[in-house]
Amino acid sequence: MSVSGRKIRIVMAVTNDLVTDRRVMRHAEALREAGCEVILIGRNELRVKSKKTWKFYAEYNLRLWWRLLRTKCDIVWANDTDTLLASYVAAKMKMKRLVMDAHELFPEVPELVGREKVKKMWERLERRLMPKCDALITVCQSIADYYREKYGVKMTVVRNIGVCSGECVVGSTQDQTLSTIHYPLPTKMLLYQGAVNLGRGVDWAIDALEWLEDCRLVIAGIGDLLEDMKKYAESKPWKDRIEFLGRLKPEELEPLTRQASVGLVMLEDMGQSYHFALPNRIGDFIAAGVPIVVSDLPEMAAVVHRFHIGTIMEDVGARALAEAVRKVLSREWTDADFAEARKDMDWNKEKKKLIECVNV
C-alpha cells in the first residue's frame, strides 16, 4: 500500500499509554501487514502534566496538535472523540486525510452521566467534526446506527476480535507463565480483564465468591477504582481467593486467558456507551475457547444468543452473577463449542474492512 512510490504513513493518536490498548495495537499491526507505515502516539510520549480532567484534555490536544504538525504522514488517525480536535486541525493544516475510530459513545460514558455541560461540549465537537472525517470506524452496529441517526454519518464496523492461536482447552493450566498464580487445580478461575472503572461490575465479581466456594477471581487491569476494589476485596472473608494482577501486556494476558474457566464481561447500564458496548474481551475469550458470562445488554447478549458460548445474567448484582457462573460451570466446554463463533468473529475478515478505509 503506497502513495507516490512509498509506503502510506499513518499516525495514530490515543489518550492512553498504549500498553494494554489491544484494539489500537491490533489495528496498527494489520495496517503494517498491508504495507503501511504506522506511528503511534500515546499519553506517555506526550508527557502531559495536567491531572484534572478538562486541563488534561486541553493540554493533551495542544501537545498532540503540535506533535502531529511536526510528523510527516498521509493519514491522521484519531482514536475516540478525545483526540479528534487536535487530529482534525492538524490534518486540515497539513491537507491530509483524517480517519476517526470511535471505540465507544464517548459523550455517553458513565463518567459523564449527570454532567450535562461537559457532555454537550463533546457532542458539539462530534457534530462539527465527525462529518468532516474522510472515514469513520466503530466497534459495533448499534454505535454506527446511533451516530448515523444523530449526525447523519456513515461508519464502518470493525469489531473487536482476538486472533485465535490454535486449539484451546478451557481451564488449561499448561501455560503457567505468570508466576504469581499458584492455586490448587480443582479451583475454578473466574477472569476479569479490562479497566477497573465505574460500572464494570468488579464489586459484583468480588461479592459473587460468597456463593462460589470452589472458584477464585483473577482481575487483570487497572483503573480509577483499582485501589478501592483492592480494599473492598481485603474486607471479605474470601479475600485469599482474589488476586489483582494489575496491567498485563498482551503476550502475558493471552496465556492467562486460556487458563480461565469463565470469562466475566459485566457492565452496568449506565449511559448509552455501556448499553451498546461490545467489549474486545468477548472476542478474546472466544478466541481462547473460554465460555463467558455477560450482562443483559444488546450487543453482548446478541453474541451469546447467537453462538451459545456462555450465558446472560438474568439480573444485576453479585447473586445474579454467581448464578450465571454456576450455570456455565454446570457443563463441559470443548474447543468445538466455539467453532461457529470463531468463524463469524474472524479478525482476517474484520481487518479487510479496516484496510479498505485507508484505500478510499
Protein backbone atom coordinates (compact mmCIF):
# COMPACT_ATOMS: atom_id res chain seq x y z
CA MET A 1 0.00 0.00 0.00
CA SER A 2 1.78 3.10 -1.19
CA VAL A 3 1.50 6.68 -2.39
CA SER A 4 3.96 8.25 -4.84
CA GLY A 5 6.08 5.12 -4.72
CA ARG A 6 6.42 4.98 -0.93
CA LYS A 7 4.51 3.43 1.94
CA ILE A 8 1.40 5.22 3.18
CA ARG A 9 2.31 6.73 6.52
CA ILE A 10 -0.39 6.76 9.21
CA VAL A 11 -0.06 8.47 12.58
CA MET A 12 -2.46 7.12 15.23
CA ALA A 13 -3.34 9.14 18.31
CA VAL A 14 -4.82 7.88 21.58
CA THR A 15 -5.06 9.36 25.10
CA ASN A 16 -3.97 6.21 26.95
CA ASP A 17 -0.42 4.85 27.24
CA LEU A 18 -0.96 2.17 24.55
CA VAL A 19 0.46 -0.63 26.71
CA THR A 20 -2.83 -2.51 27.01
CA ASP A 21 -4.85 -0.98 24.17
CA ARG A 22 -5.35 -4.18 22.20
CA ARG A 23 -7.69 -2.63 19.63
CA VAL A 24 -5.22 0.08 18.62
CA MET A 25 -2.28 -2.33 18.56
CA ARG A 26 -4.28 -4.86 16.52
CA HIS A 27 -5.25 -2.18 14.00
CA ALA A 28 -1.70 -0.90 13.74
CA GLU A 29 -0.39 -4.42 13.12
CA ALA A 30 -3.00 -5.08 10.42
CA LEU A 31 -2.16 -1.84 8.61
CA ARG A 32 1.55 -2.62 8.78
CA GLU A 33 0.87 -6.06 7.30
CA ALA A 34 -0.97 -4.29 4.48
CA GLY A 35 2.15 -2.26 3.70
CA CYS A 36 1.55 0.94 5.67
CA GLU A 37 3.95 2.66 8.00
CA VAL A 38 2.21 3.30 11.31
CA ILE A 39 3.34 5.72 14.02
CA LEU A 40 1.63 5.53 17.43
CA ILE A 41 1.29 8.49 19.77
CA GLY A 42 0.06 7.90 23.33
CA ARG A 43 -0.02 9.62 26.68
CA ASN A 44 3.48 8.62 27.78
CA GLU A 45 5.11 10.07 24.69
CA LEU A 46 3.41 13.46 25.04
CA ARG A 47 4.23 13.74 28.76
CA VAL A 48 1.05 15.55 29.79
CA LYS A 49 1.42 17.12 33.23
CA SER A 50 -2.17 18.10 33.99
CA LYS A 51 -4.23 15.72 36.13
CA LYS A 52 -7.64 17.41 36.26
CA THR A 53 -9.95 16.19 33.51
CA TRP A 54 -10.53 19.35 31.48
CA LYS A 55 -6.94 20.54 31.87
CA PHE A 56 -5.67 17.12 30.84
CA TYR A 57 -7.71 17.09 27.62
CA ALA A 58 -6.80 20.67 26.81
CA GLU A 59 -3.08 20.10 27.33
CA TYR A 60 -3.16 16.73 25.60
CA ASN A 61 -4.81 18.08 22.46
CA LEU A 62 -2.45 21.04 22.34
CA ARG A 63 0.60 18.81 22.64
CA LEU A 64 -0.89 16.30 20.19
CA TRP A 65 -1.64 19.03 17.63
CA TRP A 66 1.95 20.28 17.82
CA ARG A 67 3.35 16.77 17.51
CA LEU A 68 1.13 15.96 14.53
CA LEU A 69 2.21 19.11 12.75
CA ARG A 70 5.84 18.00 13.06
CA THR A 71 5.19 14.40 11.97
CA LYS A 72 5.21 13.51 8.28
CA CYS A 73 2.16 11.47 7.39
CA ASP A 74 -0.52 10.82 4.79
CA ILE A 75 -3.34 9.99 7.22
CA VAL A 76 -4.10 11.27 10.72
CA TRP A 77 -5.96 8.60 12.70
CA ALA A 78 -7.92 9.79 15.75
CA ASN A 79 -8.89 7.12 18.26
CA ASP A 80 -12.03 8.34 20.03
CA THR A 81 -13.53 11.78 20.43
CA ASP A 82 -10.90 12.96 22.91
CA THR A 83 -8.20 13.04 20.20
CA LEU A 84 -10.45 14.35 17.41
CA LEU A 85 -9.95 18.11 17.78
CA ALA A 86 -6.16 18.09 17.54
CA SER A 87 -6.26 15.45 14.80
CA TYR A 88 -8.76 17.43 12.73
CA VAL A 89 -6.88 20.73 13.00
CA ALA A 90 -3.55 19.11 12.17
CA ALA A 91 -4.97 17.15 9.23
CA LYS A 92 -6.64 20.27 7.82
CA MET A 93 -3.48 22.38 8.16
CA LYS A 94 -1.36 19.66 6.55
CA MET A 95 -4.07 18.86 3.95
CA LYS A 96 -4.01 15.19 4.93
CA ARG A 97 -6.78 12.61 5.24
CA LEU A 98 -8.49 12.13 8.60
CA VAL A 99 -9.81 8.83 9.96
CA MET A 100 -11.68 8.57 13.26
CA ASP A 101 -12.12 5.30 15.15
CA ALA A 102 -14.87 5.57 17.81
CA HIS A 103 -14.27 2.82 20.37
CA GLU A 104 -17.38 3.87 22.29
CA LEU A 105 -20.09 6.52 22.53
CA PHE A 106 -17.75 8.97 24.19
CA PRO A 107 -20.29 11.57 25.40
CA GLU A 108 -22.36 8.74 26.91
CA VAL A 109 -19.70 7.15 29.15
CA PRO A 110 -20.76 6.68 32.82
CA GLU A 111 -18.29 9.32 34.00
CA LEU A 112 -20.33 11.96 32.12
CA VAL A 113 -23.77 10.86 33.29
CA GLY A 114 -25.33 13.89 35.00
CA ARG A 115 -22.62 16.26 33.72
CA GLU A 116 -24.72 17.81 31.00
CA LYS A 117 -22.45 20.78 30.21
CA VAL A 118 -19.42 18.57 29.66
CA LYS A 119 -21.47 16.05 27.69
CA LYS A 120 -22.86 18.75 25.38
CA MET A 121 -19.33 20.09 24.78
CA TRP A 122 -18.18 16.69 23.49
CA GLU A 123 -21.39 16.33 21.44
CA ARG A 124 -20.83 19.72 19.78
CA LEU A 125 -17.29 18.66 18.91
CA GLU A 126 -18.54 15.42 17.37
CA ARG A 127 -21.37 17.13 15.48
CA ARG A 128 -18.99 19.61 13.86
CA LEU A 129 -16.04 17.35 13.13
CA MET A 130 -17.24 13.79 12.53
CA PRO A 131 -18.99 14.64 9.23
CA LYS A 132 -15.70 16.18 8.05
CA CYS A 133 -13.69 12.97 8.52
CA ASP A 134 -12.66 11.06 5.41
CA ALA A 135 -13.53 7.74 7.09
CA LEU A 136 -15.28 6.75 10.31
CA ILE A 137 -14.91 3.42 12.13
CA THR A 138 -16.58 1.95 15.20
CA VAL A 139 -16.84 -1.32 17.11
CA CYS A 140 -20.45 -2.43 16.60
CA GLN A 141 -23.56 -1.81 14.52
CA SER A 142 -25.51 -0.24 17.40
CA ILE A 143 -22.99 2.58 17.74
CA ALA A 144 -22.85 3.00 13.96
CA ASP A 145 -26.66 3.33 13.89
CA TYR A 146 -26.59 5.81 16.77
CA TYR A 147 -24.15 8.13 15.02
CA ARG A 148 -25.96 7.81 11.69
CA GLU A 149 -29.20 8.94 13.30
CA LYS A 150 -27.56 11.67 15.37
CA TYR A 151 -25.14 13.21 12.85
CA GLY A 152 -26.04 11.61 9.52
CA VAL A 153 -22.63 9.95 9.16
CA LYS A 154 -21.79 6.52 7.78
CA MET A 155 -19.45 4.36 9.84
CA THR A 156 -17.60 1.16 9.03
CA VAL A 157 -18.00 -1.50 11.73
CA VAL A 158 -14.73 -3.24 12.62
CA ARG A 159 -15.44 -5.47 15.59
CA ASN A 160 -13.06 -6.03 18.49
CA ILE A 161 -11.96 -9.60 17.83
CA GLY A 162 -9.00 -11.56 19.11
CA VAL A 163 -6.83 -13.76 16.95
CA CYS A 164 -7.17 -17.47 17.68
CA SER A 165 -3.75 -19.08 18.00
CA GLY A 166 -4.84 -22.69 17.62
CA GLU A 167 -6.86 -25.21 19.63
CA CYS A 168 -7.54 -24.17 23.20
CA VAL A 169 -8.53 -26.19 26.24
CA VAL A 170 -10.90 -24.50 28.66
CA GLY A 171 -9.28 -24.05 32.06
CA SER A 172 -5.89 -25.26 30.81
CA THR A 173 -3.03 -24.96 33.27
CA GLN A 174 -0.31 -25.78 30.79
CA ASP A 175 0.70 -22.16 30.24
CA GLN A 176 1.68 -21.05 33.74
CA THR A 177 3.67 -18.07 32.51
CA LEU A 178 2.56 -15.83 35.40
CA SER A 179 4.46 -16.95 38.46
CA THR A 180 2.04 -15.18 40.81
CA ILE A 181 -0.61 -17.86 40.24
CA HIS A 182 -0.18 -20.95 42.42
CA TYR A 183 -3.62 -22.34 43.16
CA PRO A 184 -4.78 -25.96 43.57
CA LEU A 185 -6.00 -27.38 40.28
CA PRO A 186 -9.63 -28.05 41.43
CA THR A 187 -10.19 -24.31 41.91
CA LYS A 188 -12.09 -22.73 39.03
CA MET A 189 -10.69 -19.44 37.75
CA LEU A 190 -13.04 -16.55 37.01
CA LEU A 191 -11.21 -13.96 34.94
CA TYR A 192 -12.00 -10.27 34.69
CA GLN A 193 -9.75 -8.45 32.25
CA GLY A 194 -10.08 -4.76 31.48
CA ALA A 195 -10.43 -1.39 33.19
CA VAL A 196 -11.32 -1.36 36.88
CA ASN A 197 -13.67 1.58 36.48
CA LEU A 198 -17.15 2.73 37.37
CA GLY A 199 -19.92 0.41 36.23
CA ARG A 200 -17.68 -2.54 35.28
CA GLY A 201 -19.11 -4.94 37.89
CA VAL A 202 -15.81 -5.73 39.62
CA ASP A 203 -17.52 -5.39 43.00
CA TRP A 204 -20.18 -7.89 41.82
CA ALA A 205 -17.43 -10.37 40.98
CA ILE A 206 -15.82 -9.95 44.40
CA ASP A 207 -19.13 -10.46 46.21
CA ALA A 208 -20.16 -13.38 43.98
CA LEU A 209 -17.40 -15.55 45.50
CA GLU A 210 -19.58 -15.87 48.61
CA TRP A 211 -21.74 -18.31 46.63
CA LEU A 212 -18.90 -19.79 44.56
CA GLU A 213 -16.73 -21.53 47.12
CA ASP A 214 -14.85 -23.59 44.52
CA CYS A 215 -13.90 -20.52 42.47
CA ARG A 216 -11.20 -17.88 42.60
CA LEU A 217 -11.25 -14.48 40.96
CA VAL A 218 -8.37 -13.02 38.96
CA ILE A 219 -8.57 -9.35 37.98
CA ALA A 220 -6.18 -8.23 35.25
CA GLY A 221 -6.28 -4.49 34.69
CA ILE A 222 -6.01 -1.06 36.26
CA GLY A 223 -8.38 1.87 36.54
CA ASP A 224 -9.86 4.65 38.65
CA LEU A 225 -11.36 2.23 41.18
CA LEU A 226 -8.46 -0.20 41.45
CA GLU A 227 -7.35 0.80 44.95
CA ASP A 228 -10.96 0.94 46.16
CA MET A 229 -11.60 -2.56 44.84
CA LYS A 230 -8.42 -3.87 46.48
CA LYS A 231 -9.57 -2.50 49.83
CA TYR A 232 -13.05 -3.89 49.28
CA ALA A 233 -11.67 -7.34 48.46
CA GLU A 234 -9.44 -7.23 51.53
CA SER A 235 -12.54 -6.82 53.72
CA LYS A 236 -14.05 -10.12 52.57
CA PRO A 237 -13.57 -13.48 54.33
CA TRP A 238 -12.73 -14.99 50.95
CA LYS A 239 -10.01 -12.44 50.19
CA ASP A 240 -7.44 -15.23 49.69
CA ARG A 241 -9.36 -16.30 46.57
CA ILE A 242 -8.98 -12.89 44.91
CA GLU A 243 -5.89 -11.75 43.04
CA PHE A 244 -5.19 -8.42 41.37
CA LEU A 245 -2.54 -8.76 38.66
CA GLY A 246 -2.54 -5.13 37.53
CA ARG A 247 -1.81 -4.19 33.94
CA LEU A 248 -0.60 -7.02 31.72
CA LYS A 249 0.89 -6.89 28.26
CA PRO A 250 -0.99 -8.81 25.52
CA GLU A 251 1.65 -11.54 25.48
CA GLU A 252 1.07 -12.05 29.22
CA LEU A 253 -2.72 -11.80 29.07
CA GLU A 254 -3.23 -14.37 26.31
CA PRO A 255 -1.86 -17.40 28.22
CA LEU A 256 -3.68 -16.26 31.35
CA THR A 257 -6.96 -16.09 29.42
CA ARG A 258 -6.56 -19.68 28.24
CA GLN A 259 -6.38 -20.82 31.87
CA ALA A 260 -9.76 -19.31 32.78
CA SER A 261 -12.85 -21.41 33.43
CA VAL A 262 -15.20 -18.46 32.90
CA GLY A 263 -14.67 -15.03 31.36
CA LEU A 264 -16.55 -12.19 33.06
CA VAL A 265 -17.89 -9.35 30.90
CA MET A 266 -20.19 -7.26 33.09
CA LEU A 267 -21.34 -3.71 32.54
CA GLU A 268 -23.96 -1.72 34.40
CA ASP A 269 -26.46 0.00 32.13
CA MET A 270 -25.05 3.46 32.88
CA GLY A 271 -25.49 5.53 29.75
CA GLN A 272 -25.72 4.53 26.12
CA SER A 273 -21.98 3.95 25.74
CA TYR A 274 -22.18 0.93 28.04
CA HIS A 275 -25.66 -0.01 26.81
CA PHE A 276 -24.37 -0.57 23.26
CA ALA A 277 -20.88 -1.78 24.17
CA LEU A 278 -19.19 -4.77 22.55
CA PRO A 279 -16.03 -5.12 24.67
CA ASN A 280 -12.96 -6.54 22.97
CA ARG A 281 -12.56 -9.12 25.74
CA ILE A 282 -15.57 -11.01 24.36
CA GLY A 283 -13.56 -11.69 21.22
CA ASP A 284 -10.50 -12.54 23.30
CA PHE A 285 -12.42 -15.10 25.36
CA ILE A 286 -13.93 -16.67 22.23
CA ALA A 287 -10.51 -16.89 20.60
CA ALA A 288 -9.17 -18.58 23.74
CA GLY A 289 -12.10 -21.02 23.98
CA VAL A 290 -13.38 -19.65 27.29
CA PRO A 291 -17.15 -19.50 27.98
CA ILE A 292 -18.43 -16.11 29.08
CA VAL A 293 -20.95 -14.52 31.42
CA VAL A 294 -22.27 -11.21 30.09
CA SER A 295 -24.68 -8.52 31.20
CA ASP A 296 -28.08 -8.42 29.51
CA LEU A 297 -27.19 -5.57 27.14
CA PRO A 298 -27.95 -5.66 23.38
CA GLU A 299 -24.61 -6.24 21.65
CA MET A 300 -23.13 -8.56 24.26
CA ALA A 301 -26.30 -10.59 24.73
CA ALA A 302 -26.67 -10.96 20.95
CA VAL A 303 -23.31 -12.77 20.75
CA VAL A 304 -24.31 -15.28 23.43
CA HIS A 305 -27.79 -15.78 21.96
CA ARG A 306 -26.36 -16.44 18.51
CA PHE A 307 -23.40 -18.65 19.31
CA HIS A 308 -24.29 -20.20 22.70
CA ILE A 309 -20.80 -19.69 24.12
CA GLY A 310 -21.84 -18.76 27.65
CA THR A 311 -24.80 -17.30 29.48
CA ILE A 312 -26.50 -13.96 30.10
CA MET A 313 -27.10 -12.59 33.59
CA GLU A 314 -30.81 -12.58 34.34
CA ASP A 315 -30.46 -9.62 36.71
CA VAL A 316 -27.78 -7.26 38.01
CA GLY A 317 -25.60 -7.75 41.07
CA ALA A 318 -23.44 -10.37 42.73
CA ARG A 319 -26.04 -13.09 43.26
CA ALA A 320 -27.18 -12.95 39.63
CA LEU A 321 -23.55 -13.15 38.54
CA ALA A 322 -22.94 -16.16 40.79
CA GLU A 323 -25.98 -17.94 39.37
CA ALA A 324 -24.82 -17.28 35.82
CA VAL A 325 -21.30 -18.53 36.60
CA ARG A 326 -22.71 -21.68 38.18
CA LYS A 327 -24.79 -22.27 35.05
CA VAL A 328 -21.69 -22.04 32.85
CA LEU A 329 -19.73 -24.35 35.14
CA SER A 330 -22.52 -26.93 35.14
CA ARG A 331 -21.49 -28.26 31.73
CA GLU A 332 -18.31 -29.31 29.99
CA TRP A 333 -16.98 -27.00 27.29
CA THR A 334 -14.77 -28.06 24.40
CA ASP A 335 -12.97 -26.18 21.69
CA ALA A 336 -15.65 -27.26 19.21
CA ASP A 337 -18.25 -25.18 21.08
CA PHE A 338 -16.52 -22.03 19.85
CA ALA A 339 -16.04 -23.01 16.21
CA GLU A 340 -19.10 -21.19 14.84
CA ALA A 341 -18.37 -18.02 16.81
CA ARG A 342 -14.76 -18.01 15.64
CA LYS A 343 -15.83 -18.48 12.03
CA ASP A 344 -18.03 -15.40 12.23
CA MET A 345 -15.81 -13.32 14.50
CA ASP A 346 -12.77 -13.71 12.29
CA TRP A 347 -10.17 -10.97 12.54
CA ASN A 348 -9.00 -11.69 9.00
CA LYS A 349 -12.42 -10.58 7.73
CA GLU A 350 -12.59 -7.57 10.04
CA LYS A 351 -9.17 -6.23 9.11
CA LYS A 352 -10.09 -6.20 5.41
CA LYS A 353 -12.74 -3.59 6.27
CA LEU A 354 -10.15 -1.65 8.21
CA ILE A 355 -7.73 -1.61 5.29
CA GLU A 356 -10.49 -0.50 2.91
CA CYS A 357 -10.86 2.68 4.97
CA VAL A 358 -7.27 3.54 4.06
CA ASN A 359 -7.80 2.75 0.38
CA VAL A 360 -10.84 5.03 -0.01
